[in-house]
Amino acid sequence: MGSYKIEPRGSLEHDLRKIDRQFIPKILDAIGGLADNPFPVQSRKMKGSETSYRLRIGDYRVIYQVDTENKAVVIYHVRLRKDVYKW
């Protein structure tokens, strides 16, 4: 698979400020890995959407969309599992 461009959107920066510092490197590595493979084993397609996925990183979830036509991965949220689905 070719390399995809990572495009952070929305509240990503705000979400990262709320996360415990010890988890941030692991989350950023996982997000960076989406550039090489936007459909890793830990990701699942979200119900009711054709292009939205969630990536599990411990207790955190990364909500993103894949634009295969433009080769882009748009990151929307990084939040705890209990909070991520309330937007």
PDB file of N, CA and C in Angstrom:
ATOM      1  N   MET A   1       0.834  -1.179   0.000  1.00  0.00           N
ATOM      2  CA  MET A   1       0.000   0.000   0.000  1.00  0.00           C
ATOM      3  C   MET A   1       0.878   1.241   0.000  1.00  0.00           C
ATOM      4  N   GLY A   2       0.466   2.260  -0.714  1.00  0.00           N
ATOM      5  CA  GLY A   2       1.227   3.500  -0.770  1.00  0.00           C
ATOM      6  C   GLY A   2       1.115   4.300   0.504  1.00  0.00           C
ATOM      7  N   SER A   3       1.891   5.335   0.575  1.00  0.00           N
ATOM      8  CA  SER A   3       1.903   6.172   1.771  1.00  0.00           C
ATOM      9  C   SER A   3       0.734   7.160   1.747  1.00  0.00           C
ATOM     10  N   TYR A   4       0.029   7.231   2.846  1.00  0.00           N
ATOM     11  CA  TYR A   4      -1.096   8.151   3.002  1.00  0.00           C
ATOM     12  C   TYR A   4      -0.638   9.378   3.775  1.00  0.00           C
ATOM     13  N   LYS A   5      -1.312  10.477   3.556  1.00  0.00           N
ATOM     14  CA  LYS A   5      -1.021  11.713   4.283  1.00  0.00           C
ATOM     15  C   LYS A   5      -1.935  11.782   5.504  1.00  0.00           C
ATOM     16  N   ILE A   6      -1.369  12.110   6.670  1.00  0.00           N
ATOM     17  CA  ILE A   6      -2.131  12.248   7.904  1.00  0.00           C
ATOM     18  C   ILE A   6      -2.598  13.694   8.033  1.00  0.00           C
ATOM     19  N   GLU A   7      -3.906  13.889   8.192  1.00  0.00           N
ATOM     20  CA  GLU A   7      -4.480  15.229   8.323  1.00  0.00           C
ATOM     21  C   GLU A   7      -5.245  15.333   9.641  1.00  0.00           C
ATOM     22  N   PRO A   8      -4.651  15.966  10.659  1.00  0.00           N
ATOM     23  CA  PRO A   8      -5.379  16.154  11.919  1.00  0.00           C
ATOM     24  C   PRO A   8      -6.466  17.215  11.768  1.00  0.00           C
ATOM     25  N   ARG A   9      -7.609  16.955  12.361  1.00  0.00           N
ATOM     26  CA  ARG A   9      -8.739  17.890  12.288  1.00  0.00           C
ATOM     27  C   ARG A   9      -9.390  18.042  13.646  1.00  0.00           C
ATOM     28  N   GLY A  10     -10.273  19.004  13.702  1.00  0.00           N
ATOM     29  CA  GLY A  10     -11.133  19.157  14.875  1.00  0.00           C
ATOM     30  C   GLY A  10     -10.376  19.314  16.173  1.00  0.00           C
ATOM     31  N   SER A  11     -10.707  18.478  17.103  1.00  0.00           N
ATOM     32  CA  SER A  11     -10.215  18.641  18.463  1.00  0.00           C
ATOM     33  C   SER A  11      -9.009  17.762  18.781  1.00  0.00           C
ATOM     34  N   LEU A  12      -8.278  17.303  17.792  1.00  0.00           N
ATOM     35  CA  LEU A  12      -7.171  16.393  18.050  1.00  0.00           C
ATOM     36  C   LEU A  12      -6.150  16.978  19.020  1.00  0.00           C
ATOM     37  N   GLU A  13      -5.720  18.185  18.784  1.00  0.00           N
ATOM     38  CA  GLU A  13      -4.734  18.820  19.662  1.00  0.00           C
ATOM     39  C   GLU A  13      -5.305  18.979  21.080  1.00  0.00           C
ATOM     40  N   HIS A  14      -6.546  19.385  21.158  1.00  0.00           N
ATOM     41  CA  HIS A  14      -7.225  19.541  22.452  1.00  0.00           C
ATOM     42  C   HIS A  14      -7.339  18.192  23.159  1.00  0.00           C
ATOM     43  N   ASP A  15      -7.671  17.149  22.418  1.00  0.00           N
ATOM     44  CA  ASP A  15      -7.787  15.811  22.995  1.00  0.00           C
ATOM     45  C   ASP A  15      -6.450  15.329  23.552  1.00  0.00           C
ATOM     46  N   LEU A  16      -5.373  15.576  22.826  1.00  0.00           N
ATOM     47  CA  LEU A  16      -4.055  15.120  23.268  1.00  0.00           C
ATOM     48  C   LEU A  16      -3.606  15.805  24.552  1.00  0.00           C
ATOM     49  N   ARG A  17      -4.024  17.041  24.767  1.00  0.00           N
ATOM     50  CA  ARG A  17      -3.670  17.740  26.008  1.00  0.00           C
ATOM     51  C   ARG A  17      -4.303  17.097  27.233  1.00  0.00           C
ATOM     52  N   LYS A  18      -5.429  16.434  27.063  1.00  0.00           N
ATOM     53  CA  LYS A  18      -6.147  15.815  28.178  1.00  0.00           C
ATOM     54  C   LYS A  18      -5.629  14.413  28.514  1.00  0.00           C
ATOM     55  N   ILE A  19      -4.795  13.853  27.649  1.00  0.00           N
ATOM     56  CA  ILE A  19      -4.312  12.484  27.827  1.00  0.00           C
ATOM     57  C   ILE A  19      -3.057  12.485  28.698  1.00  0.00           C
ATOM     58  N   ASP A  20      -2.949  11.482  29.560  1.00  0.00           N
ATOM     59  CA  ASP A  20      -1.769  11.304  30.400  1.00  0.00           C
ATOM     60  C   ASP A  20      -0.526  11.209  29.509  1.00  0.00           C
ATOM     61  N   ARG A  21       0.511  11.930  29.859  1.00  0.00           N
ATOM     62  CA  ARG A  21       1.723  12.030  29.029  1.00  0.00           C
ATOM     63  C   ARG A  21       2.363  10.681  28.703  1.00  0.00           C
ATOM     64  N   GLN A  22       2.224   9.713  29.566  1.00  0.00           N
ATOM     65  CA  GLN A  22       2.868   8.424  29.309  1.00  0.00           C
ATOM     66  C   GLN A  22       2.243   7.678  28.132  1.00  0.00           C
ATOM     67  N   PHE A  23       1.009   7.990  27.758  1.00  0.00           N
ATOM     68  CA  PHE A  23       0.332   7.312  26.656  1.00  0.00           C
ATOM     69  C   PHE A  23       0.503   8.026  25.314  1.00  0.00           C
ATOM     70  N   ILE A  24       0.891   9.287  25.337  1.00  0.00           N
ATOM     71  CA  ILE A  24       0.959  10.085  24.110  1.00  0.00           C
ATOM     72  C   ILE A  24       1.929   9.506  23.073  1.00  0.00           C
ATOM     73  N   PRO A  25       3.157   9.084  23.435  1.00  0.00           N
ATOM     74  CA  PRO A  25       4.048   8.525  22.403  1.00  0.00           C
ATOM     75  C   PRO A  25       3.462   7.301  21.704  1.00  0.00           C
ATOM     76  N   LYS A  26       2.822   6.427  22.453  1.00  0.00           N
ATOM     77  CA  LYS A  26       2.221   5.227  21.861  1.00  0.00           C
ATOM     78  C   LYS A  26       1.090   5.610  20.900  1.00  0.00           C
ATOM     79  N   ILE A  27       0.284   6.590  21.288  1.00  0.00           N
ATOM     80  CA  ILE A  27      -0.822   7.046  20.443  1.00  0.00           C
ATOM     81  C   ILE A  27      -0.288   7.697  19.174  1.00  0.00           C
ATOM     82  N   LEU A  28       0.726   8.550  19.309  1.00  0.00           N
ATOM     83  CA  LEU A  28       1.296   9.214  18.134  1.00  0.00           C
ATOM     84  C   LEU A  28       1.973   8.218  17.197  1.00  0.00           C
ATOM     85  N   ASP A  29       2.609   7.173  17.745  1.00  0.00           N
ATOM     86  CA  ASP A  29       3.192   6.132  16.899  1.00  0.00           C
ATOM     87  C   ASP A  29       2.111   5.405  16.103  1.00  0.00           C
ATOM     88  N   ALA A  30       0.990   5.110  16.771  1.00  0.00           N
ATOM     89  CA  ALA A  30      -0.114   4.421  16.093  1.00  0.00           C
ATOM     90  C   ALA A  30      -0.710   5.299  14.995  1.00  0.00           C
ATOM     91  N   ILE A  31      -0.850   6.595  15.278  1.00  0.00           N
ATOM     92  CA  ILE A  31      -1.374   7.519  14.260  1.00  0.00           C
ATOM     93  C   ILE A  31      -0.400   7.614  13.090  1.00  0.00           C
ATOM     94  N   GLY A  32       0.896   7.683  13.389  1.00  0.00           N
ATOM     95  CA  GLY A  32       1.905   7.719  12.327  1.00  0.00           C
ATOM     96  C   GLY A  32       1.893   6.458  11.486  1.00  0.00           C
ATOM     97  N   GLY A  33       1.595   5.316  12.107  1.00  0.00           N
ATOM     98  CA  GLY A  33       1.514   4.054  11.380  1.00  0.00           C
ATOM     99  C   GLY A  33       0.368   4.003  10.390  1.00  0.00           C
ATOM    100  N   LEU A  34      -0.642   4.841  10.607  1.00  0.00           N
ATOM    101  CA  LEU A  34      -1.772   4.882   9.664  1.00  0.00           C
ATOM    102  C   LEU A  34      -1.344   5.402   8.295  1.00  0.00           C
ATOM    103  N   ALA A  35      -0.228   6.124   8.227  1.00  0.00           N
ATOM    104  CA  ALA A  35       0.272   6.618   6.944  1.00  0.00           C
ATOM    105  C   ALA A  35       0.701   5.464   6.043  1.00  0.00           C
ATOM    106  N   ASP A  36       1.258   4.403   6.635  1.00  0.00           N
ATOM    107  CA  ASP A  36       1.677   3.237   5.860  1.00  0.00           C
ATOM    108  C   ASP A  36       0.550   2.238   5.655  1.00  0.00           C
ATOM    109  N   ASN A  37      -0.287   2.087   6.676  1.00  0.00           N
ATOM    110  CA  ASN A  37      -1.387   1.135   6.608  1.00  0.00           C
ATOM    111  C   ASN A  37      -2.607   1.723   7.315  1.00  0.00           C
ATOM    112  N   PRO A  38      -3.535   2.329   6.577  1.00  0.00           N
ATOM    113  CA  PRO A  38      -4.699   2.952   7.218  1.00  0.00           C
ATOM    114  C   PRO A  38      -5.738   1.946   7.739  1.00  0.00           C
ATOM    115  N   PHE A  39      -5.510   0.659   7.498  1.00  0.00           N
ATOM    116  CA  PHE A  39      -6.439  -0.370   7.951  1.00  0.00           C
ATOM    117  C   PHE A  39      -5.704  -1.437   8.772  1.00  0.00           C
ATOM    118  N   PRO A  40      -5.077  -1.054   9.916  1.00  0.00           N
ATOM    119  CA  PRO A  40      -4.359  -2.057  10.716  1.00  0.00           C
ATOM    120  C   PRO A  40      -5.326  -3.035  11.375  1.00  0.00           C
ATOM    121  N   VAL A  41      -4.777  -4.094  11.941  1.00  0.00           N
ATOM    122  CA  VAL A  41      -5.582  -5.143  12.564  1.00  0.00           C
ATOM    123  C   VAL A  41      -6.434  -4.592  13.705  1.00  0.00           C
ATOM    124  N   GLN A  42      -5.922  -3.615  14.465  1.00  0.00           N
ATOM    125  CA  GLN A  42      -6.649  -3.073  15.613  1.00  0.00           C
ATOM    126  C   GLN A  42      -7.782  -2.130  15.214  1.00  0.00           C
ATOM    127  N   SER A  43      -7.912  -1.799  13.951  1.00  0.00           N
ATOM    128  CA  SER A  43      -8.958  -0.860  13.536  1.00  0.00           C
ATOM    129  C   SER A  43     -10.240  -1.609  13.172  1.00  0.00           C
ATOM    130  N   ARG A  44     -11.340  -0.921  13.358  1.00  0.00           N
ATOM    131  CA  ARG A  44     -12.657  -1.464  13.010  1.00  0.00           C
ATOM    132  C   ARG A  44     -13.447  -0.375  12.318  1.00  0.00           C
ATOM    133  N   LYS A  45     -14.234  -0.792  11.360  1.00  0.00           N
ATOM    134  CA  LYS A  45     -15.118   0.141  10.667  1.00  0.00           C
ATOM    135  C   LYS A  45     -16.265   0.508  11.602  1.00  0.00           C
ATOM    136  N   MET A  46     -16.625   1.784  11.602  1.00  0.00           N
ATOM    137  CA  MET A  46     -17.717   2.234  12.465  1.00  0.00           C
ATOM    138  C   MET A  46     -19.048   2.002  11.763  1.00  0.00           C
ATOM    139  N   LYS A  47     -20.025   1.575  12.528  1.00  0.00           N
ATOM    140  CA  LYS A  47     -21.348   1.302  11.975  1.00  0.00           C
ATOM    141  C   LYS A  47     -21.983   2.591  11.460  1.00  0.00           C
ATOM    142  N   GLY A  48     -22.669   2.487  10.345  1.00  0.00           N
ATOM    143  CA  GLY A  48     -23.397   3.626   9.803  1.00  0.00           C
ATOM    144  C   GLY A  48     -22.554   4.573   8.971  1.00  0.00           C
ATOM    145  N   SER A  49     -21.300   4.207   8.703  1.00  0.00           N
ATOM    146  CA  SER A  49     -20.432   5.075   7.914  1.00  0.00           C
ATOM    147  C   SER A  49     -19.622   4.237   6.942  1.00  0.00           C
ATOM    148  N   GLU A  50     -19.398   4.777   5.770  1.00  0.00           N
ATOM    149  CA  GLU A  50     -18.624   4.072   4.755  1.00  0.00           C
ATOM    150  C   GLU A  50     -17.123   4.289   4.907  1.00  0.00           C
ATOM    151  N   THR A  51     -16.721   5.415   5.513  1.00  0.00           N
ATOM    152  CA  THR A  51     -15.301   5.757   5.537  1.00  0.00           C
ATOM    153  C   THR A  51     -14.731   5.985   6.930  1.00  0.00           C
ATOM    154  N   SER A  52     -15.533   5.842   7.989  1.00  0.00           N
ATOM    155  CA  SER A  52     -15.058   6.110   9.348  1.00  0.00           C
ATOM    156  C   SER A  52     -14.590   4.827  10.027  1.00  0.00           C
ATOM    157  N   TYR A  53     -13.475   4.958  10.743  1.00  0.00           N
ATOM    158  CA  TYR A  53     -12.876   3.834  11.444  1.00  0.00           C
ATOM    159  C   TYR A  53     -12.494   4.257  12.849  1.00  0.00           C
ATOM    160  N   ARG A  54     -12.290   3.252  13.707  1.00  0.00           N
ATOM    161  CA  ARG A  54     -11.769   3.517  15.041  1.00  0.00           C
ATOM    162  C   ARG A  54     -10.558   2.619  15.231  1.00  0.00           C
ATOM    163  N   LEU A  55      -9.558   3.167  15.888  1.00  0.00           N
ATOM    164  CA  LEU A  55      -8.336   2.432  16.162  1.00  0.00           C
ATOM    165  C   LEU A  55      -8.183   2.308  17.665  1.00  0.00           C
ATOM    166  N   ARG A  56      -8.030   1.105  18.142  1.00  0.00           N
ATOM    167  CA  ARG A  56      -7.914   0.859  19.577  1.00  0.00           C
ATOM    168  C   ARG A  56      -6.446   0.906  19.987  1.00  0.00           C
ATOM    169  N   ILE A  57      -6.160   1.746  21.001  1.00  0.00           N
ATOM    170  CA  ILE A  57      -4.832   1.832  21.593  1.00  0.00           C
ATOM    171  C   ILE A  57      -5.041   1.787  23.105  1.00  0.00           C
ATOM    172  N   GLY A  58      -5.044   0.598  23.671  1.00  0.00           N
ATOM    173  CA  GLY A  58      -5.352   0.437  25.092  1.00  0.00           C
ATOM    174  C   GLY A  58      -6.766   0.887  25.380  1.00  0.00           C
ATOM    175  N   ASP A  59      -6.914   1.810  26.329  1.00  0.00           N
ATOM    176  CA  ASP A  59      -8.232   2.338  26.681  1.00  0.00           C
ATOM    177  C   ASP A  59      -8.644   3.506  25.794  1.00  0.00           C
ATOM    178  N   TYR A  60      -7.781   3.920  24.891  1.00  0.00           N
ATOM    179  CA  TYR A  60      -8.056   5.071  24.026  1.00  0.00           C
ATOM    180  C   TYR A  60      -8.510   4.612  22.651  1.00  0.00           C
ATOM    181  N   ARG A  61      -9.268   5.492  21.998  1.00  0.00           N
ATOM    182  CA  ARG A  61      -9.723   5.224  20.640  1.00  0.00           C
ATOM    183  C   ARG A  61      -9.381   6.424  19.766  1.00  0.00           C
ATOM    184  N   VAL A  62      -8.917   6.133  18.563  1.00  0.00           N
ATOM    185  CA  VAL A  62      -8.655   7.165  17.557  1.00  0.00           C
ATOM    186  C   VAL A  62      -9.754   7.025  16.516  1.00  0.00           C
ATOM    187  N   ILE A  63     -10.506   8.091  16.295  1.00  0.00           N
ATOM    188  CA  ILE A  63     -11.574   8.104  15.302  1.00  0.00           C
ATOM    189  C   ILE A  63     -11.023   8.805  14.058  1.00  0.00           C
ATOM    190  N   TYR A  64     -11.100   8.120  12.921  1.00  0.00           N
ATOM    191  CA  TYR A  64     -10.535   8.685  11.695  1.00  0.00           C
ATOM    192  C   TYR A  64     -11.319   8.235  10.469  1.00  0.00           C
ATOM    193  N   GLN A  65     -11.085   8.934   9.379  1.00  0.00           N
ATOM    194  CA  GLN A  65     -11.675   8.585   8.092  1.00  0.00           C
ATOM    195  C   GLN A  65     -10.556   8.392   7.083  1.00  0.00           C
ATOM    196  N   VAL A  66     -10.778   7.492   6.148  1.00  0.00           N
ATOM    197  CA  VAL A  66      -9.796   7.220   5.110  1.00  0.00           C
ATOM    198  C   VAL A  66     -10.352   7.692   3.770  1.00  0.00           C
ATOM    199  N   ASP A  67      -9.598   8.561   3.115  1.00  0.00           N
ATOM    200  CA  ASP A  67      -9.940   9.027   1.777  1.00  0.00           C
ATOM    201  C   ASP A  67      -8.971   8.358   0.813  1.00  0.00           C
ATOM    202  N   THR A  68      -9.386   7.216   0.245  1.00  0.00           N
ATOM    203  CA  THR A  68      -8.491   6.448  -0.614  1.00  0.00           C
ATOM    204  C   THR A  68      -8.212   7.159  -1.932  1.00  0.00           C
ATOM    205  N   GLU A  69      -9.158   7.956  -2.387  1.00  0.00           N
ATOM    206  CA  GLU A  69      -8.976   8.676  -3.644  1.00  0.00           C
ATOM    207  C   GLU A  69      -7.830   9.688  -3.556  1.00  0.00           C
ATOM    208  N   ASN A  70      -7.776  10.432  -2.447  1.00  0.00           N
ATOM    209  CA  ASN A  70      -6.731  11.446  -2.249  1.00  0.00           C
ATOM    210  C   ASN A  70      -5.578  10.940  -1.395  1.00  0.00           C
ATOM    211  N   LYS A  71      -5.629   9.657  -1.007  1.00  0.00           N
ATOM    212  CA  LYS A  71      -4.603   9.048  -0.153  1.00  0.00           C
ATOM    213  C   LYS A  71      -4.370   9.864   1.105  1.00  0.00           C
ATOM    214  N   ALA A  72      -5.440  10.071   1.869  1.00  0.00           N
ATOM    215  CA  ALA A  72      -5.362  10.852   3.105  1.00  0.00           C
ATOM    216  C   ALA A  72      -6.099  10.132   4.226  1.00  0.00           C
ATOM    217  N   VAL A  73      -5.555  10.271   5.435  1.00  0.00           N
ATOM    218  CA  VAL A  73      -6.193   9.771   6.655  1.00  0.00           C
ATOM    219  C   VAL A  73      -6.488  10.993   7.507  1.00  0.00           C
ATOM    220  N   VAL A  74      -7.766  11.252   7.757  1.00  0.00           N
ATOM    221  CA  VAL A  74      -8.192  12.418   8.527  1.00  0.00           C
ATOM    222  C   VAL A  74      -8.492  11.972   9.953  1.00  0.00           C
ATOM    223  N   ILE A  75      -7.720  12.487  10.910  1.00  0.00           N
ATOM    224  CA  ILE A  75      -7.875  12.131  12.316  1.00  0.00           C
ATOM    225  C   ILE A  75      -8.812  13.144  12.975  1.00  0.00           C
ATOM    226  N   TYR A  76      -9.882  12.659  13.613  1.00  0.00           N
ATOM    227  CA  TYR A  76     -10.853  13.546  14.243  1.00  0.00           C
ATOM    228  C   TYR A  76     -10.734  13.605  15.755  1.00  0.00           C
ATOM    229  N   HIS A  77     -10.661  12.450  16.422  1.00  0.00           N
ATOM    230  CA  HIS A  77     -10.664  12.431  17.883  1.00  0.00           C
ATOM    231  C   HIS A  77      -9.719  11.365  18.417  1.00  0.00           C
ATOM    232  N   VAL A  78      -9.150  11.650  19.592  1.00  0.00           N
ATOM    233  CA  VAL A  78      -8.412  10.667  20.386  1.00  0.00           C
ATOM    234  C   VAL A  78      -8.918  10.837  21.810  1.00  0.00           C
ATOM    235  N   ARG A  79      -9.697   9.869  22.251  1.00  0.00           N
ATOM    236  CA  ARG A  79     -10.308   9.984  23.579  1.00  0.00           C
ATOM    237  C   ARG A  79     -10.404   8.619  24.237  1.00  0.00           C
ATOM    238  N   LEU A  80     -10.696   8.651  25.535  1.00  0.00           N
ATOM    239  CA  LEU A  80     -10.959   7.409  26.244  1.00  0.00           C
ATOM    240  C   LEU A  80     -12.188   6.733  25.647  1.00  0.00           C
ATOM    241  N   ARG A  81     -12.229   5.435  25.720  1.00  0.00           N
ATOM    242  CA  ARG A  81     -13.333   4.673  25.153  1.00  0.00           C
ATOM    243  C   ARG A  81     -14.684   5.151  25.678  1.00  0.00           C
ATOM    244  N   LYS A  82     -14.751   5.438  26.976  1.00  0.00           N
ATOM    245  CA  LYS A  82     -16.034   5.832  27.573  1.00  0.00           C
ATOM    246  C   LYS A  82     -16.521   7.188  27.071  1.00  0.00           C
ATOM    247  N   ASP A  83     -15.619   8.025  26.526  1.00  0.00           N
ATOM    248  CA  ASP A  83     -15.992   9.377  26.087  1.00  0.00           C
ATOM    249  C   ASP A  83     -16.048   9.546  24.576  1.00  0.00           C
ATOM    250  N   VAL A  84     -15.397   8.690  23.835  1.00  0.00           N
ATOM    251  CA  VAL A  84     -15.199   8.933  22.401  1.00  0.00           C
ATOM    252  C   VAL A  84     -16.489   8.861  21.580  1.00  0.00           C
ATOM    253  N   TYR A  85     -17.430   8.062  21.986  1.00  0.00           N
ATOM    254  CA  TYR A  85     -18.639   7.884  21.183  1.00  0.00           C
ATOM    255  C   TYR A  85     -19.740   8.871  21.524  1.00  0.00           C
ATOM    256  N   LYS A  86     -19.453   9.869  22.354  1.00  0.00           N
ATOM    257  CA  LYS A  86     -20.462  10.840  22.771  1.00  0.00           C
ATOM    258  C   LYS A  86     -20.445  12.120  21.943  1.00  0.00           C
ATOM    259  N   TRP A  87     -19.755  12.181  20.864  1.00  0.00           N
ATOM    260  CA  TRP A  87     -19.690  13.403  20.050  1.00  0.00           C
ATOM    261  C   TRP A  87     -20.732  13.295  19.023  1.00  0.00           C
TER     262      TRP A  87
END
